[in-house]
Amino acid sequence: MSTANERARMTDLALQEWGVVVGILAERGESWPDTDVTRWGPGVTAAMERTRALCAACSIVGATEAADIGRLADLYEARTRS
């Protein structure tokens, strides 16, 4: 089992990468989930793949608040609003 510090670090890494996705989408005039994934270029596609991998890792270590894209997006919004 992972420690609280490890879970927090994994969550932070996932949030950081999600910020990359959000930033690229914003540059395109889009936002999550209102985006057309069929029109994504390699940058946003790669960032989303990294985010999905980090979400999977979060799920494995027990960081449930970042265990999938939906939860991660909600957490990102909550943290960026405060």
PDB file of N, CA and C in Angstrom:
ATOM      1  N   MET A   1       0.842  -1.180   0.000  1.00  0.00           N
ATOM      2  CA  MET A   1       0.000   0.000   0.000  1.00  0.00           C
ATOM      3  C   MET A   1       0.886   1.241   0.000  1.00  0.00           C
ATOM      4  N   SER A   2       0.416   2.273  -0.614  1.00  0.00           N
ATOM      5  CA  SER A   2       1.173   3.520  -0.717  1.00  0.00           C
ATOM      6  C   SER A   2       0.940   4.401   0.505  1.00  0.00           C
ATOM      7  N   THR A   3       1.826   5.353   0.671  1.00  0.00           N
ATOM      8  CA  THR A   3       1.683   6.303   1.770  1.00  0.00           C
ATOM      9  C   THR A   3       0.847   7.492   1.288  1.00  0.00           C
ATOM     10  N   ALA A   4       0.390   8.289   2.229  1.00  0.00           N
ATOM     11  CA  ALA A   4      -0.378   9.488   1.883  1.00  0.00           C
ATOM     12  C   ALA A   4       0.465  10.428   1.031  1.00  0.00           C
ATOM     13  N   ASN A   5       1.748  10.514   1.330  1.00  0.00           N
ATOM     14  CA  ASN A   5       2.645  11.367   0.562  1.00  0.00           C
ATOM     15  C   ASN A   5       2.762  10.885  -0.885  1.00  0.00           C
ATOM     16  N   GLU A   6       2.877   9.591  -1.079  1.00  0.00           N
ATOM     17  CA  GLU A   6       2.956   9.029  -2.429  1.00  0.00           C
ATOM     18  C   GLU A   6       1.673   9.283  -3.209  1.00  0.00           C
ATOM     19  N   ARG A   7       0.534   9.100  -2.556  1.00  0.00           N
ATOM     20  CA  ARG A   7      -0.753   9.356  -3.215  1.00  0.00           C
ATOM     21  C   ARG A   7      -0.889  10.826  -3.583  1.00  0.00           C
ATOM     22  N   ALA A   8      -0.471  11.699  -2.685  1.00  0.00           N
ATOM     23  CA  ALA A   8      -0.540  13.137  -2.953  1.00  0.00           C
ATOM     24  C   ALA A   8       0.372  13.504  -4.121  1.00  0.00           C
ATOM     25  N   ARG A   9       1.553  12.923  -4.176  1.00  0.00           N
ATOM     26  CA  ARG A   9       2.492  13.211  -5.266  1.00  0.00           C
ATOM     27  C   ARG A   9       1.941  12.731  -6.598  1.00  0.00           C
ATOM     28  N   MET A  10       1.354  11.538  -6.627  1.00  0.00           N
ATOM     29  CA  MET A  10       0.760  11.030  -7.865  1.00  0.00           C
ATOM     30  C   MET A  10      -0.402  11.921  -8.302  1.00  0.00           C
ATOM     31  N   THR A  11      -1.205  12.336  -7.356  1.00  0.00           N
ATOM     32  CA  THR A  11      -2.316  13.233  -7.674  1.00  0.00           C
ATOM     33  C   THR A  11      -1.802  14.545  -8.239  1.00  0.00           C
ATOM     34  N   ASP A  12      -0.753  15.094  -7.637  1.00  0.00           N
ATOM     35  CA  ASP A  12      -0.167  16.340  -8.130  1.00  0.00           C
ATOM     36  C   ASP A  12       0.370  16.186  -9.554  1.00  0.00           C
ATOM     37  N   LEU A  13       1.014  15.058  -9.831  1.00  0.00           N
ATOM     38  CA  LEU A  13       1.521  14.810 -11.183  1.00  0.00           C
ATOM     39  C   LEU A  13       0.375  14.742 -12.195  1.00  0.00           C
ATOM     40  N   ALA A  14      -0.695  14.058 -11.817  1.00  0.00           N
ATOM     41  CA  ALA A  14      -1.861  13.955 -12.703  1.00  0.00           C
ATOM     42  C   ALA A  14      -2.497  15.326 -12.914  1.00  0.00           C
ATOM     43  N   LEU A  15      -2.602  16.109 -11.856  1.00  0.00           N
ATOM     44  CA  LEU A  15      -3.166  17.456 -11.981  1.00  0.00           C
ATOM     45  C   LEU A  15      -2.300  18.344 -12.863  1.00  0.00           C
ATOM     46  N   GLN A  16      -1.012  18.213 -12.727  1.00  0.00           N
ATOM     47  CA  GLN A  16      -0.092  18.994 -13.554  1.00  0.00           C
ATOM     48  C   GLN A  16      -0.289  18.658 -15.031  1.00  0.00           C
ATOM     49  N   GLU A  17      -0.370  17.389 -15.338  1.00  0.00           N
ATOM     50  CA  GLU A  17      -0.550  16.982 -16.732  1.00  0.00           C
ATOM     51  C   GLU A  17      -1.930  17.378 -17.244  1.00  0.00           C
ATOM     52  N   TRP A  18      -2.941  17.293 -16.373  1.00  0.00           N
ATOM     53  CA  TRP A  18      -4.277  17.724 -16.775  1.00  0.00           C
ATOM     54  C   TRP A  18      -4.259  19.223 -17.105  1.00  0.00           C
ATOM     55  N   GLY A  19      -3.462  19.979 -16.383  1.00  0.00           N
ATOM     56  CA  GLY A  19      -3.306  21.399 -16.674  1.00  0.00           C
ATOM     57  C   GLY A  19      -2.760  21.635 -18.074  1.00  0.00           C
ATOM     58  N   VAL A  20      -1.895  20.745 -18.537  1.00  0.00           N
ATOM     59  CA  VAL A  20      -1.383  20.829 -19.903  1.00  0.00           C
ATOM     60  C   VAL A  20      -2.525  20.618 -20.893  1.00  0.00           C
ATOM     61  N   VAL A  21      -3.347  19.603 -20.645  1.00  0.00           N
ATOM     62  CA  VAL A  21      -4.499  19.338 -21.514  1.00  0.00           C
ATOM     63  C   VAL A  21      -5.417  20.554 -21.542  1.00  0.00           C
ATOM     64  N   VAL A  22      -5.754  21.070 -20.376  1.00  0.00           N
ATOM     65  CA  VAL A  22      -6.651  22.224 -20.272  1.00  0.00           C
ATOM     66  C   VAL A  22      -6.058  23.417 -21.026  1.00  0.00           C
ATOM     67  N   GLY A  23      -4.761  23.640 -20.869  1.00  0.00           N
ATOM     68  CA  GLY A  23      -4.107  24.746 -21.547  1.00  0.00           C
ATOM     69  C   GLY A  23      -4.148  24.628 -23.059  1.00  0.00           C
ATOM     70  N   ILE A  24      -3.866  23.449 -23.557  1.00  0.00           N
ATOM     71  CA  ILE A  24      -3.891  23.242 -25.009  1.00  0.00           C
ATOM     72  C   ILE A  24      -5.305  23.425 -25.537  1.00  0.00           C
ATOM     73  N   LEU A  25      -6.278  22.871 -24.826  1.00  0.00           N
ATOM     74  CA  LEU A  25      -7.666  23.037 -25.263  1.00  0.00           C
ATOM     75  C   LEU A  25      -8.061  24.508 -25.257  1.00  0.00           C
ATOM     76  N   ALA A  26      -7.645  25.245 -24.249  1.00  0.00           N
ATOM     77  CA  ALA A  26      -7.966  26.675 -24.171  1.00  0.00           C
ATOM     78  C   ALA A  26      -7.372  27.429 -25.360  1.00  0.00           C
ATOM     79  N   GLU A  27      -6.149  27.062 -25.743  1.00  0.00           N
ATOM     80  CA  GLU A  27      -5.523  27.692 -26.903  1.00  0.00           C
ATOM     81  C   GLU A  27      -6.327  27.450 -28.172  1.00  0.00           C
ATOM     82  N   ARG A  28      -7.021  26.331 -28.205  1.00  0.00           N
ATOM     83  CA  ARG A  28      -7.845  25.974 -29.361  1.00  0.00           C
ATOM     84  C   ARG A  28      -9.261  26.533 -29.252  1.00  0.00           C
ATOM     85  N   GLY A  29      -9.546  27.217 -28.136  1.00  0.00           N
ATOM     86  CA  GLY A  29     -10.892  27.745 -27.918  1.00  0.00           C
ATOM     87  C   GLY A  29     -11.875  26.692 -27.454  1.00  0.00           C
ATOM     88  N   GLU A  30     -11.357  25.620 -26.879  1.00  0.00           N
ATOM     89  CA  GLU A  30     -12.202  24.516 -26.415  1.00  0.00           C
ATOM     90  C   GLU A  30     -12.013  24.319 -24.918  1.00  0.00           C
ATOM     91  N   SER A  31     -12.883  23.540 -24.354  1.00  0.00           N
ATOM     92  CA  SER A  31     -12.756  23.158 -22.945  1.00  0.00           C
ATOM     93  C   SER A  31     -13.276  21.736 -22.785  1.00  0.00           C
ATOM     94  N   TRP A  32     -12.863  21.117 -21.691  1.00  0.00           N
ATOM     95  CA  TRP A  32     -13.303  19.756 -21.398  1.00  0.00           C
ATOM     96  C   TRP A  32     -14.660  19.830 -20.737  1.00  0.00           C
ATOM     97  N   PRO A  33     -15.602  19.017 -21.075  1.00  0.00           N
ATOM     98  CA  PRO A  33     -15.593  17.914 -22.041  1.00  0.00           C
ATOM     99  C   PRO A  33     -16.096  18.316 -23.427  1.00  0.00           C
ATOM    100  N   ASP A  34     -16.289  19.612 -23.636  1.00  0.00           N
ATOM    101  CA  ASP A  34     -16.824  20.100 -24.914  1.00  0.00           C
ATOM    102  C   ASP A  34     -15.712  20.282 -25.940  1.00  0.00           C
ATOM    103  N   THR A  35     -15.212  19.181 -26.426  1.00  0.00           N
ATOM    104  CA  THR A  35     -14.122  19.189 -27.396  1.00  0.00           C
ATOM    105  C   THR A  35     -14.336  18.043 -28.379  1.00  0.00           C
ATOM    106  N   ASP A  36     -13.830  18.201 -29.557  1.00  0.00           N
ATOM    107  CA  ASP A  36     -13.935  17.173 -30.589  1.00  0.00           C
ATOM    108  C   ASP A  36     -12.603  16.421 -30.658  1.00  0.00           C
ATOM    109  N   VAL A  37     -12.561  15.262 -30.020  1.00  0.00           N
ATOM    110  CA  VAL A  37     -11.301  14.510 -29.955  1.00  0.00           C
ATOM    111  C   VAL A  37     -10.815  14.058 -31.329  1.00  0.00           C
ATOM    112  N   THR A  38     -11.703  14.002 -32.302  1.00  0.00           N
ATOM    113  CA  THR A  38     -11.279  13.592 -33.642  1.00  0.00           C
ATOM    114  C   THR A  38     -10.464  14.674 -34.333  1.00  0.00           C
ATOM    115  N   ARG A  39     -10.456  15.888 -33.792  1.00  0.00           N
ATOM    116  CA  ARG A  39      -9.700  16.995 -34.391  1.00  0.00           C
ATOM    117  C   ARG A  39      -8.448  17.338 -33.590  1.00  0.00           C
ATOM    118  N   TRP A  40      -8.142  16.547 -32.579  1.00  0.00           N
ATOM    119  CA  TRP A  40      -6.965  16.814 -31.765  1.00  0.00           C
ATOM    120  C   TRP A  40      -5.691  16.555 -32.551  1.00  0.00           C
ATOM    121  N   GLY A  41      -4.715  17.388 -32.305  1.00  0.00           N
ATOM    122  CA  GLY A  41      -3.390  17.180 -32.880  1.00  0.00           C
ATOM    123  C   GLY A  41      -2.552  16.317 -31.952  1.00  0.00           C
ATOM    124  N   PRO A  42      -1.298  16.114 -32.310  1.00  0.00           N
ATOM    125  CA  PRO A  42      -0.444  15.235 -31.513  1.00  0.00           C
ATOM    126  C   PRO A  42      -0.157  15.767 -30.110  1.00  0.00           C
ATOM    127  N   GLY A  43      -0.140  17.078 -29.926  1.00  0.00           N
ATOM    128  CA  GLY A  43       0.169  17.633 -28.605  1.00  0.00           C
ATOM    129  C   GLY A  43      -0.882  17.302 -27.561  1.00  0.00           C
ATOM    130  N   VAL A  44      -2.121  17.617 -27.875  1.00  0.00           N
ATOM    131  CA  VAL A  44      -3.184  17.348 -26.899  1.00  0.00           C
ATOM    132  C   VAL A  44      -3.429  15.846 -26.763  1.00  0.00           C
ATOM    133  N   THR A  45      -3.252  15.109 -27.844  1.00  0.00           N
ATOM    134  CA  THR A  45      -3.422  13.654 -27.778  1.00  0.00           C
ATOM    135  C   THR A  45      -2.381  13.043 -26.836  1.00  0.00           C
ATOM    136  N   ALA A  46      -1.141  13.459 -26.965  1.00  0.00           N
ATOM    137  CA  ALA A  46      -0.078  12.935 -26.103  1.00  0.00           C
ATOM    138  C   ALA A  46      -0.305  13.343 -24.651  1.00  0.00           C
ATOM    139  N   ALA A  47      -0.709  14.586 -24.429  1.00  0.00           N
ATOM    140  CA  ALA A  47      -0.976  15.042 -23.059  1.00  0.00           C
ATOM    141  C   ALA A  47      -2.120  14.251 -22.442  1.00  0.00           C
ATOM    142  N   MET A  48      -3.141  13.948 -23.221  1.00  0.00           N
ATOM    143  CA  MET A  48      -4.271  13.160 -22.700  1.00  0.00           C
ATOM    144  C   MET A  48      -3.825  11.730 -22.413  1.00  0.00           C
ATOM    145  N   GLU A  49      -2.984  11.169 -23.247  1.00  0.00           N
ATOM    146  CA  GLU A  49      -2.472   9.814 -22.993  1.00  0.00           C
ATOM    147  C   GLU A  49      -1.664   9.777 -21.701  1.00  0.00           C
ATOM    148  N   ARG A  50      -0.825  10.783 -21.486  1.00  0.00           N
ATOM    149  CA  ARG A  50      -0.059  10.859 -20.240  1.00  0.00           C
ATOM    150  C   ARG A  50      -0.995  11.024 -19.046  1.00  0.00           C
ATOM    151  N   THR A  51      -2.025  11.837 -19.206  1.00  0.00           N
ATOM    152  CA  THR A  51      -2.994  12.034 -18.124  1.00  0.00           C
ATOM    153  C   THR A  51      -3.707  10.732 -17.798  1.00  0.00           C
ATOM    154  N   ARG A  52      -4.122  10.012 -18.799  1.00  0.00           N
ATOM    155  CA  ARG A  52      -4.803   8.721 -18.571  1.00  0.00           C
ATOM    156  C   ARG A  52      -3.880   7.738 -17.860  1.00  0.00           C
ATOM    157  N   ALA A  53      -2.620   7.714 -18.246  1.00  0.00           N
ATOM    158  CA  ALA A  53      -1.658   6.825 -17.583  1.00  0.00           C
ATOM    159  C   ALA A  53      -1.486   7.221 -16.112  1.00  0.00           C
ATOM    160  N   LEU A  54      -1.418   8.516 -15.847  1.00  0.00           N
ATOM    161  CA  LEU A  54      -1.285   8.974 -14.458  1.00  0.00           C
ATOM    162  C   LEU A  54      -2.550   8.680 -13.657  1.00  0.00           C
ATOM    163  N   CYS A  55      -3.715   8.790 -14.279  1.00  0.00           N
ATOM    164  CA  CYS A  55      -4.961   8.422 -13.592  1.00  0.00           C
ATOM    165  C   CYS A  55      -4.958   6.938 -13.246  1.00  0.00           C
ATOM    166  N   ALA A  56      -4.486   6.120 -14.160  1.00  0.00           N
ATOM    167  CA  ALA A  56      -4.396   4.682 -13.891  1.00  0.00           C
ATOM    168  C   ALA A  56      -3.448   4.423 -12.729  1.00  0.00           C
ATOM    169  N   ALA A  57      -2.328   5.114 -12.708  1.00  0.00           N
ATOM    170  CA  ALA A  57      -1.380   4.966 -11.597  1.00  0.00           C
ATOM    171  C   ALA A  57      -2.008   5.431 -10.292  1.00  0.00           C
ATOM    172  N   CYS A  58      -2.760   6.520 -10.335  1.00  0.00           N
ATOM    173  CA  CYS A  58      -3.442   6.999  -9.130  1.00  0.00           C
ATOM    174  C   CYS A  58      -4.418   5.951  -8.614  1.00  0.00           C
ATOM    175  N   SER A  59      -5.124   5.320  -9.516  1.00  0.00           N
ATOM    176  CA  SER A  59      -6.059   4.265  -9.129  1.00  0.00           C
ATOM    177  C   SER A  59      -5.336   3.114  -8.442  1.00  0.00           C
ATOM    178  N   ILE A  60      -4.181   2.751  -8.967  1.00  0.00           N
ATOM    179  CA  ILE A  60      -3.409   1.639  -8.416  1.00  0.00           C
ATOM    180  C   ILE A  60      -2.908   1.946  -7.010  1.00  0.00           C
ATOM    181  N   VAL A  61      -2.452   3.176  -6.787  1.00  0.00           N
ATOM    182  CA  VAL A  61      -1.887   3.513  -5.476  1.00  0.00           C
ATOM    183  C   VAL A  61      -2.945   3.956  -4.469  1.00  0.00           C
ATOM    184  N   GLY A  62      -4.198   4.064  -4.919  1.00  0.00           N
ATOM    185  CA  GLY A  62      -5.277   4.411  -3.996  1.00  0.00           C
ATOM    186  C   GLY A  62      -5.608   5.884  -3.919  1.00  0.00           C
ATOM    187  N   ALA A  63      -5.141   6.665  -4.879  1.00  0.00           N
ATOM    188  CA  ALA A  63      -5.480   8.093  -4.926  1.00  0.00           C
ATOM    189  C   ALA A  63      -6.790   8.241  -5.700  1.00  0.00           C
ATOM    190  N   THR A  64      -7.877   7.860  -5.073  1.00  0.00           N
ATOM    191  CA  THR A  64      -9.165   7.757  -5.758  1.00  0.00           C
ATOM    192  C   THR A  64      -9.687   9.075  -6.306  1.00  0.00           C
ATOM    193  N   GLU A  65      -9.276  10.203  -5.708  1.00  0.00           N
ATOM    194  CA  GLU A  65      -9.767  11.500  -6.181  1.00  0.00           C
ATOM    195  C   GLU A  65      -9.233  11.845  -7.565  1.00  0.00           C
ATOM    196  N   ALA A  66      -8.235  11.113  -8.036  1.00  0.00           N
ATOM    197  CA  ALA A  66      -7.659  11.348  -9.363  1.00  0.00           C
ATOM    198  C   ALA A  66      -7.603  10.059 -10.178  1.00  0.00           C
ATOM    199  N   ALA A  67      -8.471   9.106  -9.852  1.00  0.00           N
ATOM    200  CA  ALA A  67      -8.394   7.778 -10.461  1.00  0.00           C
ATOM    201  C   ALA A  67      -8.993   7.696 -11.858  1.00  0.00           C
ATOM    202  N   ASP A  68      -9.665   8.734 -12.309  1.00  0.00           N
ATOM    203  CA  ASP A  68     -10.172   8.770 -13.679  1.00  0.00           C
ATOM    204  C   ASP A  68     -10.264  10.222 -14.132  1.00  0.00           C
ATOM    205  N   ILE A  69     -10.464  10.422 -15.416  1.00  0.00           N
ATOM    206  CA  ILE A  69     -10.454  11.769 -15.986  1.00  0.00           C
ATOM    207  C   ILE A  69     -11.556  12.631 -15.373  1.00  0.00           C
ATOM    208  N   GLY A  70     -12.724  12.081 -15.173  1.00  0.00           N
ATOM    209  CA  GLY A  70     -13.827  12.861 -14.606  1.00  0.00           C
ATOM    210  C   GLY A  70     -13.510  13.395 -13.222  1.00  0.00           C
ATOM    211  N   ARG A  71     -13.018  12.528 -12.365  1.00  0.00           N
ATOM    212  CA  ARG A  71     -12.655  12.954 -11.009  1.00  0.00           C
ATOM    213  C   ARG A  71     -11.499  13.940 -11.033  1.00  0.00           C
ATOM    214  N   LEU A  72     -10.522  13.673 -11.881  1.00  0.00           N
ATOM    215  CA  LEU A  72      -9.370  14.548 -11.985  1.00  0.00           C
ATOM    216  C   LEU A  72      -9.785  15.938 -12.460  1.00  0.00           C
ATOM    217  N   ALA A  73     -10.647  15.989 -13.465  1.00  0.00           N
ATOM    218  CA  ALA A  73     -11.124  17.276 -13.982  1.00  0.00           C
ATOM    219  C   ALA A  73     -11.862  18.053 -12.898  1.00  0.00           C
ATOM    220  N   ASP A  74     -12.693  17.361 -12.112  1.00  0.00           N
ATOM    221  CA  ASP A  74     -13.410  18.012 -11.015  1.00  0.00           C
ATOM    222  C   ASP A  74     -12.436  18.544  -9.968  1.00  0.00           C
ATOM    223  N   LEU A  75     -11.441  17.753  -9.625  1.00  0.00           N
ATOM    224  CA  LEU A  75     -10.451  18.161  -8.637  1.00  0.00           C
ATOM    225  C   LEU A  75      -9.650  19.366  -9.156  1.00  0.00           C
ATOM    226  N   TYR A  76      -9.285  19.342 -10.408  1.00  0.00           N
ATOM    227  CA  TYR A  76      -8.551  20.444 -11.026  1.00  0.00           C
ATOM    228  C   TYR A  76      -9.372  21.731 -10.944  1.00  0.00           C
ATOM    229  N   GLU A  77     -10.636  21.628 -11.305  1.00  0.00           N
ATOM    230  CA  GLU A  77     -11.509  22.800 -11.249  1.00  0.00           C
ATOM    231  C   GLU A  77     -11.629  23.332  -9.830  1.00  0.00           C
ATOM    232  N   ALA A  78     -11.800  22.439  -8.875  1.00  0.00           N
ATOM    233  CA  ALA A  78     -11.935  22.857  -7.481  1.00  0.00           C
ATOM    234  C   ALA A  78     -10.660  23.550  -6.991  1.00  0.00           C
ATOM    235  N   ARG A  79      -9.511  23.032  -7.374  1.00  0.00           N
ATOM    236  CA  ARG A  79      -8.248  23.621  -6.923  1.00  0.00           C
ATOM    237  C   ARG A  79      -7.910  24.914  -7.632  1.00  0.00           C
ATOM    238  N   THR A  80      -8.305  25.043  -8.877  1.00  0.00           N
ATOM    239  CA  THR A  80      -7.997  26.278  -9.608  1.00  0.00           C
ATOM    240  C   THR A  80      -8.972  27.394  -9.280  1.00  0.00           C
ATOM    241  N   ARG A  81     -10.125  27.062  -8.766  1.00  0.00           N
ATOM    242  CA  ARG A  81     -11.109  28.069  -8.372  1.00  0.00           C
ATOM    243  C   ARG A  81     -10.776  28.680  -7.031  1.00  0.00           C
ATOM    244  N   SER A  82     -10.091  27.929  -6.171  1.00  0.00           N
ATOM    245  CA  SER A  82      -9.822  28.445  -4.816  1.00  0.00           C
ATOM    246  C   SER A  82      -8.673  29.392  -4.758  1.00  0.00           C
TER     247      SER A  82
END
